[in-house]
Amino acid sequence: MKSLVSGPCRRKYLGYVYAVLASEKQKEILGSLSSDLNFRLALYIFFAALLSAFVVGVVTFFLITDSICSIAGVVKRFQDGDYSARIHGYAKGNLGVLTSTFNEMADVIVENFETITATDRFRQELIANVSHDLRAPLSIMQGYAETLAIKRETLSGPETERYLAIVLEGTKKLSVLVDQLFQY
């Protein structure tokens, strides 16, 4: 082999120089590949984390919207007249607050409906009783007034006075009933 260097360092041969240069070049290439591998690995980890966060976000979104849709379904049933509809299964967080608030509101509405129904029944009974109580004296007064009108010439004085007293008594009872009705 020929010597590359002249002078006192003549002992170095071409083969050795190539070997030294080749190992430096190999270190440079391996370093470049290693840094490229680290970059690609970091890039893969970044995209894997991004994809994982996206999947978790989509799953969470659908879980929340599914919960909201089921709550909306119960509210719609209540609106359509199913007053026993209540939201079940949410005890924590904002959905829990919404659930308990809706259920309490629904209970109050049902109680108010029951109160209104009871009040309406009471009103109907009151009207029926008042109507009956007002008709009795009116019927009596009407009957005696008709008798007086029909038989006015055939009735004696005491009979006419008695009929008029009955009509007067009926008007007094009717007046008392009307006063009581106004007091109620």
N, C-alpha and C. Protein backbone atom coordinates (compact mmCIF):
# COMPACT_ATOMS: atom_id res chain seq x y z
N MET A 1 0.83 -1.17 0.00
CA MET A 1 0.00 0.00 0.00
C MET A 1 0.87 1.23 0.00
N LYS A 2 0.31 2.25 -0.57
CA LYS A 2 1.07 3.49 -0.68
C LYS A 2 0.79 4.36 0.51
N SER A 3 1.77 5.12 0.86
CA SER A 3 1.62 6.02 1.98
C SER A 3 1.01 7.32 1.51
N LEU A 4 0.13 7.87 2.28
CA LEU A 4 -0.53 9.12 1.94
C LEU A 4 0.25 10.31 2.45
N VAL A 5 0.90 10.13 3.50
CA VAL A 5 1.57 11.24 4.15
C VAL A 5 3.09 11.05 3.94
N SER A 6 3.77 12.13 3.60
CA SER A 6 5.22 12.06 3.44
C SER A 6 5.86 12.57 4.72
N GLY A 7 6.99 12.20 5.03
CA GLY A 7 7.69 12.68 6.19
C GLY A 7 7.63 11.69 7.32
N PRO A 8 7.68 12.24 8.59
CA PRO A 8 7.81 11.33 9.72
C PRO A 8 6.54 10.48 9.96
N CYS A 9 5.42 10.89 9.51
CA CYS A 9 4.18 10.12 9.74
C CYS A 9 3.90 9.23 8.54
N ARG A 10 4.87 8.73 7.93
CA ARG A 10 4.68 7.93 6.73
C ARG A 10 4.05 6.60 7.03
N ARG A 11 3.86 6.25 8.19
CA ARG A 11 3.38 4.93 8.51
C ARG A 11 1.89 4.76 8.25
N LYS A 12 1.13 5.79 8.12
CA LYS A 12 -0.31 5.67 7.92
C LYS A 12 -0.55 5.22 6.51
N TYR A 13 -1.41 4.29 6.39
CA TYR A 13 -1.70 3.73 5.08
C TYR A 13 -3.10 4.14 4.64
N LEU A 14 -3.35 4.00 3.37
CA LEU A 14 -4.63 4.39 2.80
C LEU A 14 -5.79 3.63 3.44
N GLY A 15 -5.65 2.41 3.69
CA GLY A 15 -6.72 1.59 4.25
C GLY A 15 -7.18 2.11 5.60
N TYR A 16 -6.24 2.57 6.38
CA TYR A 16 -6.59 3.07 7.70
C TYR A 16 -7.32 4.40 7.62
N VAL A 17 -6.93 5.23 6.70
CA VAL A 17 -7.57 6.52 6.54
C VAL A 17 -9.01 6.32 6.11
N TYR A 18 -9.20 5.41 5.22
CA TYR A 18 -10.57 5.13 4.79
C TYR A 18 -11.41 4.58 5.93
N ALA A 19 -10.83 3.79 6.73
CA ALA A 19 -11.56 3.21 7.86
C ALA A 19 -11.94 4.29 8.85
N VAL A 20 -11.05 5.22 9.11
CA VAL A 20 -11.33 6.30 10.04
C VAL A 20 -12.41 7.20 9.47
N LEU A 21 -12.28 7.57 8.21
CA LEU A 21 -13.28 8.41 7.58
C LEU A 21 -14.62 7.71 7.51
N ALA A 22 -14.60 6.42 7.24
CA ALA A 22 -15.84 5.66 7.15
C ALA A 22 -16.54 5.61 8.50
N SER A 23 -15.83 5.44 9.59
CA SER A 23 -16.47 5.39 10.90
C SER A 23 -17.02 6.75 11.30
N GLU A 24 -16.35 7.86 10.91
CA GLU A 24 -16.88 9.18 11.19
C GLU A 24 -18.15 9.43 10.37
N LYS A 25 -18.10 9.03 9.12
CA LYS A 25 -19.27 9.18 8.26
C LYS A 25 -20.42 8.34 8.80
N GLN A 26 -20.08 7.13 9.29
CA GLN A 26 -21.10 6.25 9.86
C GLN A 26 -21.71 6.90 11.10
N LYS A 27 -20.89 7.50 11.96
CA LYS A 27 -21.40 8.18 13.15
C LYS A 27 -22.30 9.35 12.75
N GLU A 28 -21.90 10.07 11.73
CA GLU A 28 -22.72 11.20 11.26
C GLU A 28 -24.06 10.72 10.73
N ILE A 29 -24.03 9.66 9.93
CA ILE A 29 -25.28 9.11 9.38
C ILE A 29 -26.16 8.55 10.49
N LEU A 30 -25.53 7.79 11.42
CA LEU A 30 -26.30 7.24 12.54
C LEU A 30 -26.87 8.34 13.42
N GLY A 31 -26.13 9.40 13.64
CA GLY A 31 -26.63 10.54 14.42
C GLY A 31 -27.80 11.21 13.71
N SER A 32 -27.67 11.35 12.40
CA SER A 32 -28.75 11.95 11.62
C SER A 32 -29.99 11.06 11.66
N LEU A 33 -29.78 9.76 11.50
CA LEU A 33 -30.91 8.83 11.55
C LEU A 33 -31.54 8.81 12.95
N SER A 34 -30.70 8.87 13.97
CA SER A 34 -31.20 8.85 15.34
C SER A 34 -32.04 10.09 15.63
N SER A 35 -31.55 11.27 15.21
CA SER A 35 -32.34 12.48 15.45
C SER A 35 -33.61 12.46 14.61
N ASP A 36 -33.53 11.92 13.38
CA ASP A 36 -34.72 11.78 12.54
C ASP A 36 -35.70 10.80 13.17
N LEU A 37 -35.20 9.71 13.75
CA LEU A 37 -36.05 8.73 14.42
C LEU A 37 -36.72 9.36 15.64
N ASN A 38 -35.96 10.14 16.40
CA ASN A 38 -36.53 10.82 17.57
C ASN A 38 -37.62 11.80 17.14
N PHE A 39 -37.37 12.52 16.05
CA PHE A 39 -38.37 13.47 15.54
C PHE A 39 -39.63 12.74 15.10
N ARG A 40 -39.45 11.66 14.35
CA ARG A 40 -40.62 10.91 13.89
C ARG A 40 -41.36 10.28 15.07
N LEU A 41 -40.63 9.76 16.04
CA LEU A 41 -41.26 9.17 17.22
C LEU A 41 -42.06 10.23 17.98
N ALA A 42 -41.50 11.41 18.15
CA ALA A 42 -42.21 12.50 18.82
C ALA A 42 -43.44 12.90 18.01
N LEU A 43 -43.29 12.92 16.71
CA LEU A 43 -44.43 13.26 15.85
C LEU A 43 -45.53 12.21 15.97
N TYR A 44 -45.16 10.92 15.98
CA TYR A 44 -46.15 9.85 16.14
C TYR A 44 -46.84 9.94 17.50
N ILE A 45 -46.08 10.20 18.55
CA ILE A 45 -46.66 10.33 19.89
C ILE A 45 -47.62 11.52 19.93
N PHE A 46 -47.22 12.64 19.32
CA PHE A 46 -48.08 13.82 19.29
C PHE A 46 -49.41 13.51 18.59
N PHE A 47 -49.33 12.90 17.41
CA PHE A 47 -50.55 12.59 16.67
C PHE A 47 -51.39 11.52 17.38
N ALA A 48 -50.76 10.56 18.05
CA ALA A 48 -51.50 9.56 18.82
C ALA A 48 -52.23 10.22 19.98
N ALA A 49 -51.56 11.17 20.67
CA ALA A 49 -52.22 11.89 21.77
C ALA A 49 -53.35 12.75 21.25
N LEU A 50 -53.12 13.39 20.10
CA LEU A 50 -54.16 14.22 19.49
C LEU A 50 -55.37 13.37 19.10
N LEU A 51 -55.11 12.21 18.50
CA LEU A 51 -56.19 11.31 18.11
C LEU A 51 -56.93 10.78 19.34
N SER A 52 -56.18 10.44 20.40
CA SER A 52 -56.81 9.97 21.64
C SER A 52 -57.69 11.06 22.25
N ALA A 53 -57.19 12.29 22.28
CA ALA A 53 -57.98 13.40 22.83
C ALA A 53 -59.23 13.62 21.98
N PHE A 54 -59.12 13.50 20.67
CA PHE A 54 -60.28 13.66 19.78
C PHE A 54 -61.32 12.57 20.05
N VAL A 55 -60.87 11.32 20.18
CA VAL A 55 -61.79 10.21 20.45
C VAL A 55 -62.48 10.40 21.79
N VAL A 56 -61.71 10.76 22.82
CA VAL A 56 -62.31 11.01 24.14
C VAL A 56 -63.30 12.16 24.07
N GLY A 57 -62.95 13.22 23.34
CA GLY A 57 -63.86 14.37 23.19
C GLY A 57 -65.14 13.98 22.48
N VAL A 58 -65.03 13.19 21.42
CA VAL A 58 -66.23 12.77 20.68
C VAL A 58 -67.09 11.87 21.54
N VAL A 59 -66.50 10.93 22.26
CA VAL A 59 -67.27 10.04 23.13
C VAL A 59 -67.96 10.85 24.23
N THR A 60 -67.24 11.79 24.84
CA THR A 60 -67.83 12.64 25.89
C THR A 60 -68.96 13.48 25.32
N PHE A 61 -68.76 14.03 24.14
CA PHE A 61 -69.80 14.83 23.48
C PHE A 61 -71.07 14.01 23.28
N PHE A 62 -70.90 12.78 22.76
CA PHE A 62 -72.09 11.96 22.51
C PHE A 62 -72.74 11.49 23.81
N LEU A 63 -71.95 11.25 24.85
CA LEU A 63 -72.55 10.89 26.14
C LEU A 63 -73.36 12.04 26.70
N ILE A 64 -72.82 13.26 26.62
CA ILE A 64 -73.54 14.43 27.14
C ILE A 64 -74.78 14.70 26.31
N THR A 65 -74.65 14.68 24.98
CA THR A 65 -75.83 14.96 24.14
C THR A 65 -76.87 13.85 24.28
N ASP A 66 -76.42 12.61 24.51
CA ASP A 66 -77.39 11.52 24.73
C ASP A 66 -78.16 11.77 26.02
N SER A 67 -77.46 12.22 27.06
CA SER A 67 -78.13 12.54 28.33
C SER A 67 -79.12 13.68 28.14
N ILE A 68 -78.71 14.70 27.41
CA ILE A 68 -79.58 15.85 27.19
C ILE A 68 -80.79 15.43 26.35
N CYS A 69 -80.57 14.57 25.37
CA CYS A 69 -81.69 14.09 24.54
C CYS A 69 -82.68 13.28 25.36
N SER A 70 -82.20 12.45 26.26
CA SER A 70 -83.13 11.67 27.10
C SER A 70 -83.90 12.59 28.05
N ILE A 71 -83.23 13.62 28.58
CA ILE A 71 -83.92 14.59 29.44
C ILE A 71 -84.96 15.35 28.63
N ALA A 72 -84.61 15.75 27.41
CA ALA A 72 -85.56 16.45 26.55
C ALA A 72 -86.76 15.56 26.23
N GLY A 73 -86.54 14.27 26.06
CA GLY A 73 -87.64 13.34 25.81
C GLY A 73 -88.61 13.28 26.98
N VAL A 74 -88.08 13.26 28.20
CA VAL A 74 -88.94 13.24 29.39
C VAL A 74 -89.73 14.55 29.50
N VAL A 75 -89.06 15.67 29.23
CA VAL A 75 -89.73 16.97 29.28
C VAL A 75 -90.85 17.03 28.24
N LYS A 76 -90.60 16.48 27.05
CA LYS A 76 -91.61 16.46 25.99
C LYS A 76 -92.81 15.59 26.40
N ARG A 77 -92.53 14.44 27.03
CA ARG A 77 -93.63 13.58 27.52
C ARG A 77 -94.47 14.34 28.55
N PHE A 78 -93.81 15.07 29.44
CA PHE A 78 -94.53 15.85 30.45
C PHE A 78 -95.37 16.92 29.78
N GLN A 79 -94.80 17.58 28.77
CA GLN A 79 -95.52 18.62 28.05
C GLN A 79 -96.74 18.04 27.34
N ASP A 80 -96.64 16.81 26.85
CA ASP A 80 -97.74 16.18 26.13
C ASP A 80 -98.81 15.61 27.06
N GLY A 81 -98.64 15.74 28.37
CA GLY A 81 -99.70 15.35 29.29
C GLY A 81 -99.38 14.16 30.18
N ASP A 82 -98.21 13.57 30.05
CA ASP A 82 -97.82 12.47 30.93
C ASP A 82 -97.22 13.07 32.20
N TYR A 83 -98.09 13.38 33.17
CA TYR A 83 -97.64 14.11 34.36
C TYR A 83 -96.91 13.23 35.36
N SER A 84 -96.77 11.95 35.04
CA SER A 84 -95.97 11.07 35.91
C SER A 84 -94.53 10.98 35.40
N ALA A 85 -94.21 11.63 34.28
CA ALA A 85 -92.87 11.57 33.70
C ALA A 85 -91.88 12.30 34.61
N ARG A 86 -90.81 11.60 34.97
CA ARG A 86 -89.75 12.18 35.79
C ARG A 86 -88.41 11.76 35.20
N ILE A 87 -87.38 12.55 35.45
CA ILE A 87 -86.03 12.24 34.98
C ILE A 87 -85.33 11.43 36.05
N HIS A 88 -84.75 10.30 35.66
CA HIS A 88 -84.06 9.43 36.61
C HIS A 88 -82.61 9.24 36.19
N GLY A 89 -81.72 9.06 37.16
CA GLY A 89 -80.38 8.62 36.87
C GLY A 89 -79.28 9.66 36.88
N TYR A 90 -79.56 10.90 37.17
CA TYR A 90 -78.51 11.92 37.19
C TYR A 90 -78.49 12.55 38.57
N ALA A 91 -77.40 12.30 39.31
CA ALA A 91 -77.34 12.81 40.68
C ALA A 91 -76.26 13.85 40.87
N LYS A 92 -75.32 13.93 39.94
CA LYS A 92 -74.19 14.84 40.15
C LYS A 92 -74.12 15.89 39.06
N GLY A 93 -73.46 16.98 39.37
CA GLY A 93 -73.15 18.01 38.38
C GLY A 93 -74.36 18.80 37.94
N ASN A 94 -74.18 19.46 36.81
CA ASN A 94 -75.23 20.32 36.28
C ASN A 94 -76.45 19.53 35.84
N LEU A 95 -76.24 18.33 35.30
CA LEU A 95 -77.39 17.49 34.91
C LEU A 95 -78.17 17.06 36.15
N GLY A 96 -77.49 16.84 37.26
CA GLY A 96 -78.17 16.49 38.50
C GLY A 96 -79.03 17.64 39.00
N VAL A 97 -78.50 18.87 38.90
CA VAL A 97 -79.26 20.06 39.30
C VAL A 97 -80.48 20.21 38.39
N LEU A 98 -80.27 20.04 37.09
CA LEU A 98 -81.37 20.13 36.13
C LEU A 98 -82.42 19.07 36.42
N THR A 99 -81.99 17.85 36.70
CA THR A 99 -82.90 16.75 36.99
C THR A 99 -83.74 17.04 38.23
N SER A 100 -83.09 17.40 39.31
CA SER A 100 -83.83 17.64 40.55
C SER A 100 -84.75 18.84 40.41
N THR A 101 -84.31 19.89 39.71
CA THR A 101 -85.16 21.07 39.52
C THR A 101 -86.39 20.72 38.69
N PHE A 102 -86.20 19.97 37.61
CA PHE A 102 -87.35 19.57 36.79
C PHE A 102 -88.32 18.70 37.58
N ASN A 103 -87.78 17.73 38.32
CA ASN A 103 -88.65 16.83 39.08
C ASN A 103 -89.44 17.58 40.15
N GLU A 104 -88.80 18.54 40.82
CA GLU A 104 -89.51 19.34 41.82
C GLU A 104 -90.57 20.21 41.15
N MET A 105 -90.24 20.81 40.01
CA MET A 105 -91.20 21.62 39.27
C MET A 105 -92.39 20.78 38.83
N ALA A 106 -92.13 19.57 38.35
CA ALA A 106 -93.20 18.68 37.91
C ALA A 106 -94.11 18.31 39.08
N ASP A 107 -93.51 18.06 40.25
CA ASP A 107 -94.32 17.74 41.43
C ASP A 107 -95.21 18.92 41.82
N VAL A 108 -94.67 20.13 41.77
CA VAL A 108 -95.46 21.33 42.10
C VAL A 108 -96.60 21.50 41.10
N ILE A 109 -96.32 21.29 39.83
CA ILE A 109 -97.36 21.43 38.80
C ILE A 109 -98.46 20.41 39.02
N VAL A 110 -98.09 19.17 39.32
CA VAL A 110 -99.10 18.13 39.56
C VAL A 110 -99.93 18.47 40.79
N GLU A 111 -99.28 18.96 41.85
CA GLU A 111 -100.02 19.37 43.05
C GLU A 111 -100.98 20.52 42.72
N ASN A 112 -100.53 21.47 41.91
CA ASN A 112 -101.40 22.59 41.52
C ASN A 112 -102.58 22.10 40.69
N PHE A 113 -102.35 21.14 39.79
CA PHE A 113 -103.46 20.56 39.02
C PHE A 113 -104.47 19.89 39.94
N GLU A 114 -103.96 19.16 40.93
CA GLU A 114 -104.86 18.49 41.88
C GLU A 114 -105.65 19.51 42.69
N THR A 115 -104.99 20.59 43.10
CA THR A 115 -105.68 21.65 43.85
C THR A 115 -106.74 22.32 42.98
N ILE A 116 -106.39 22.60 41.74
CA ILE A 116 -107.36 23.23 40.83
C ILE A 116 -108.53 22.30 40.58
N THR A 117 -108.26 21.01 40.42
CA THR A 117 -109.34 20.04 40.19
C THR A 117 -110.25 19.97 41.41
N ALA A 118 -109.67 19.94 42.60
CA ALA A 118 -110.47 19.89 43.82
C ALA A 118 -111.29 21.17 43.97
N THR A 119 -110.67 22.31 43.66
CA THR A 119 -111.38 23.59 43.74
C THR A 119 -112.53 23.64 42.73
N ASP A 120 -112.30 23.11 41.56
CA ASP A 120 -113.35 23.08 40.54
C ASP A 120 -114.51 22.18 40.97
N ARG A 121 -114.18 21.03 41.56
CA ARG A 121 -115.25 20.15 42.09
C ARG A 121 -116.04 20.87 43.17
N PHE A 122 -115.34 21.56 44.06
CA PHE A 122 -116.00 22.31 45.13
C PHE A 122 -116.90 23.40 44.54
N ARG A 123 -116.39 24.10 43.51
CA ARG A 123 -117.17 25.15 42.86
C ARG A 123 -118.44 24.57 42.23
N GLN A 124 -118.32 23.44 41.56
CA GLN A 124 -119.50 22.82 40.94
C GLN A 124 -120.53 22.40 42.00
N GLU A 125 -120.04 21.84 43.10
CA GLU A 125 -120.95 21.45 44.18
C GLU A 125 -121.63 22.68 44.78
N LEU A 126 -120.85 23.74 44.97
CA LEU A 126 -121.41 24.97 45.52
C LEU A 126 -122.49 25.54 44.61
N ILE A 127 -122.21 25.57 43.31
CA ILE A 127 -123.20 26.09 42.37
C ILE A 127 -124.46 25.23 42.38
N ALA A 128 -124.28 23.90 42.45
CA ALA A 128 -125.44 23.01 42.49
C ALA A 128 -126.26 23.24 43.76
N ASN A 129 -125.58 23.38 44.90
CA ASN A 129 -126.29 23.61 46.16
C ASN A 129 -126.99 24.97 46.18
N VAL A 130 -126.29 26.01 45.71
CA VAL A 130 -126.88 27.35 45.69
C VAL A 130 -128.07 27.37 44.74
N SER A 131 -127.90 26.72 43.60
CA SER A 131 -128.99 26.67 42.63
C SER A 131 -130.21 25.99 43.24
N HIS A 132 -129.98 24.89 43.93
CA HIS A 132 -131.10 24.18 44.58
C HIS A 132 -131.74 25.05 45.65
N ASP A 133 -130.88 25.68 46.49
CA ASP A 133 -131.41 26.50 47.58
C ASP A 133 -132.15 27.74 47.07
N LEU A 134 -131.76 28.27 45.92
CA LEU A 134 -132.45 29.43 45.37
C LEU A 134 -133.74 29.03 44.65
N ARG A 135 -133.76 27.85 44.07
CA ARG A 135 -134.94 27.42 43.32
C ARG A 135 -136.13 27.13 44.23
N ALA A 136 -135.87 26.60 45.41
CA ALA A 136 -136.99 26.23 46.30
C ALA A 136 -137.84 27.45 46.66
N PRO A 137 -137.29 28.54 47.19
CA PRO A 137 -138.14 29.69 47.51
C PRO A 137 -138.73 30.33 46.25
N LEU A 138 -137.96 30.34 45.15
CA LEU A 138 -138.49 30.92 43.91
C LEU A 138 -139.70 30.12 43.41
N SER A 139 -139.60 28.80 43.49
CA SER A 139 -140.72 27.97 43.02
C SER A 139 -141.97 28.19 43.88
N ILE A 140 -141.75 28.28 45.18
CA ILE A 140 -142.89 28.53 46.08
C ILE A 140 -143.52 29.88 45.78
N MET A 141 -142.68 30.92 45.65
CA MET A 141 -143.20 32.26 45.37
C MET A 141 -143.91 32.29 44.02
N GLN A 142 -143.35 31.63 43.05
CA GLN A 142 -143.97 31.62 41.72
C GLN A 142 -145.32 30.90 41.77
N GLY A 143 -145.36 29.80 42.47
CA GLY A 143 -146.63 29.05 42.57
C GLY A 143 -147.72 29.87 43.24
N TYR A 144 -147.43 30.51 44.35
CA TYR A 144 -148.45 31.32 45.05
C TYR A 144 -148.81 32.58 44.27
N ALA A 145 -147.81 33.18 43.58
CA ALA A 145 -148.11 34.37 42.77
C ALA A 145 -149.01 33.99 41.60
N GLU A 146 -148.76 32.84 40.98
CA GLU A 146 -149.63 32.38 39.89
C GLU A 146 -151.04 32.09 40.41
N THR A 147 -151.11 31.47 41.58
CA THR A 147 -152.43 31.17 42.17
C THR A 147 -153.19 32.46 42.43
N LEU A 148 -152.48 33.47 42.98
CA LEU A 148 -153.12 34.76 43.23
C LEU A 148 -153.60 35.40 41.92
N ALA A 149 -152.79 35.29 40.87
CA ALA A 149 -153.17 35.89 39.59
C ALA A 149 -154.35 35.17 38.97
N ILE A 150 -154.37 33.85 39.07
CA ILE A 150 -155.44 33.07 38.45
C ILE A 150 -156.74 33.18 39.25
N LYS A 151 -156.64 33.05 40.57
CA LYS A 151 -157.84 32.99 41.41
C LYS A 151 -158.07 34.27 42.18
N ARG A 152 -157.62 35.39 41.75
CA ARG A 152 -157.72 36.62 42.54
C ARG A 152 -159.17 36.99 42.86
N GLU A 153 -160.10 36.67 41.99
CA GLU A 153 -161.49 37.04 42.23
C GLU A 153 -162.24 36.00 43.07
N THR A 154 -161.71 34.76 43.10
CA THR A 154 -162.41 33.71 43.85
C THR A 154 -161.84 33.52 45.24
N LEU A 155 -160.69 34.09 45.54
CA LEU A 155 -160.08 33.93 46.86
C LEU A 155 -160.68 34.91 47.85
N SER A 156 -160.78 34.42 49.03
CA SER A 156 -161.29 35.31 50.08
C SER A 156 -160.16 36.19 50.59
N GLY A 157 -160.47 37.17 51.34
CA GLY A 157 -159.48 38.11 51.87
C GLY A 157 -158.42 37.43 52.73
N PRO A 158 -158.84 36.54 53.68
CA PRO A 158 -157.82 35.88 54.50
C PRO A 158 -156.91 34.95 53.67
N GLU A 159 -157.47 34.29 52.65
CA GLU A 159 -156.64 33.42 51.80
C GLU A 159 -155.63 34.25 51.01
N THR A 160 -156.11 35.37 50.49
CA THR A 160 -155.21 36.25 49.74
C THR A 160 -154.09 36.74 50.66
N GLU A 161 -154.43 37.11 51.88
CA GLU A 161 -153.43 37.58 52.85
C GLU A 161 -152.44 36.46 53.17
N ARG A 162 -152.94 35.24 53.31
CA ARG A 162 -152.06 34.10 53.61
C ARG A 162 -151.10 33.84 52.45
N TYR A 163 -151.60 33.87 51.21
CA TYR A 163 -150.76 33.66 50.02
C TYR A 163 -149.71 34.76 49.92
N LEU A 164 -150.14 36.00 50.15
CA LEU A 164 -149.19 37.11 50.09
C LEU A 164 -148.13 36.98 51.20
N ALA A 165 -148.52 36.49 52.36
CA ALA A 165 -147.56 36.29 53.46
C ALA A 165 -146.54 35.21 53.09
N ILE A 166 -147.02 34.14 52.41
CA ILE A 166 -146.10 33.07 51.97
C ILE A 166 -145.13 33.62 50.93
N VAL A 167 -145.62 34.43 49.98
CA VAL A 167 -144.75 35.03 48.97
C VAL A 167 -143.74 35.96 49.65
N LEU A 168 -144.19 36.75 50.63
CA LEU A 168 -143.30 37.66 51.35
C LEU A 168 -142.24 36.88 52.12
N GLU A 169 -142.65 35.79 52.77
CA GLU A 169 -141.69 34.94 53.50
C GLU A 169 -140.65 34.35 52.54
N GLY A 170 -141.09 33.94 51.36
CA GLY A 170 -140.17 33.40 50.34
C GLY A 170 -139.18 34.44 49.88
N THR A 171 -139.63 35.69 49.71
CA THR A 171 -138.70 36.74 49.29
C THR A 171 -137.67 37.02 50.39
N LYS A 172 -138.10 36.92 51.66
CA LYS A 172 -137.15 37.13 52.76
C LYS A 172 -136.10 36.01 52.78
N LYS A 173 -136.54 34.75 52.60
CA LYS A 173 -135.58 33.63 52.57
C LYS A 173 -134.63 33.78 51.39
N LEU A 174 -135.18 34.19 50.25
CA LEU A 174 -134.35 34.38 49.06
C LEU A 174 -133.34 35.50 49.29
N SER A 175 -133.75 36.56 49.94
CA SER A 175 -132.86 37.67 50.24
C SER A 175 -131.73 37.22 51.16
N VAL A 176 -132.06 36.41 52.18
CA VAL A 176 -131.04 35.90 53.10
C VAL A 176 -130.04 35.01 52.34
N LEU A 177 -130.54 34.16 51.47
CA LEU A 177 -129.66 33.28 50.69
C LEU A 177 -128.73 34.08 49.77
N VAL A 178 -129.27 35.10 49.13
CA VAL A 178 -128.45 35.94 48.24
C VAL A 178 -127.40 36.68 49.06
N ASP A 179 -127.76 37.18 50.25
CA ASP A 179 -126.77 37.84 51.11
C ASP A 179 -125.66 36.87 51.52
N GLN A 180 -126.04 35.65 51.88
CA GLN A 180 -125.03 34.66 52.25
C GLN A 180 -124.11 34.33 51.06
N LEU A 181 -124.71 34.27 49.89
CA LEU A 181 -123.93 34.00 48.69
C LEU A 181 -122.91 35.11 48.45
N PHE A 182 -123.30 36.34 48.63
CA PHE A 182 -122.35 37.45 48.47
C PHE A 182 -121.27 37.41 49.54
N GLN A 183 -121.61 36.95 50.74
CA GLN A 183 -120.60 36.85 51.80
C GLN A 183 -119.56 35.77 51.46
N TYR A 184 -120.03 34.70 50.82
CA TYR A 184 -119.09 33.63 50.43
C TYR A 184 -118.18 34.13 49.34
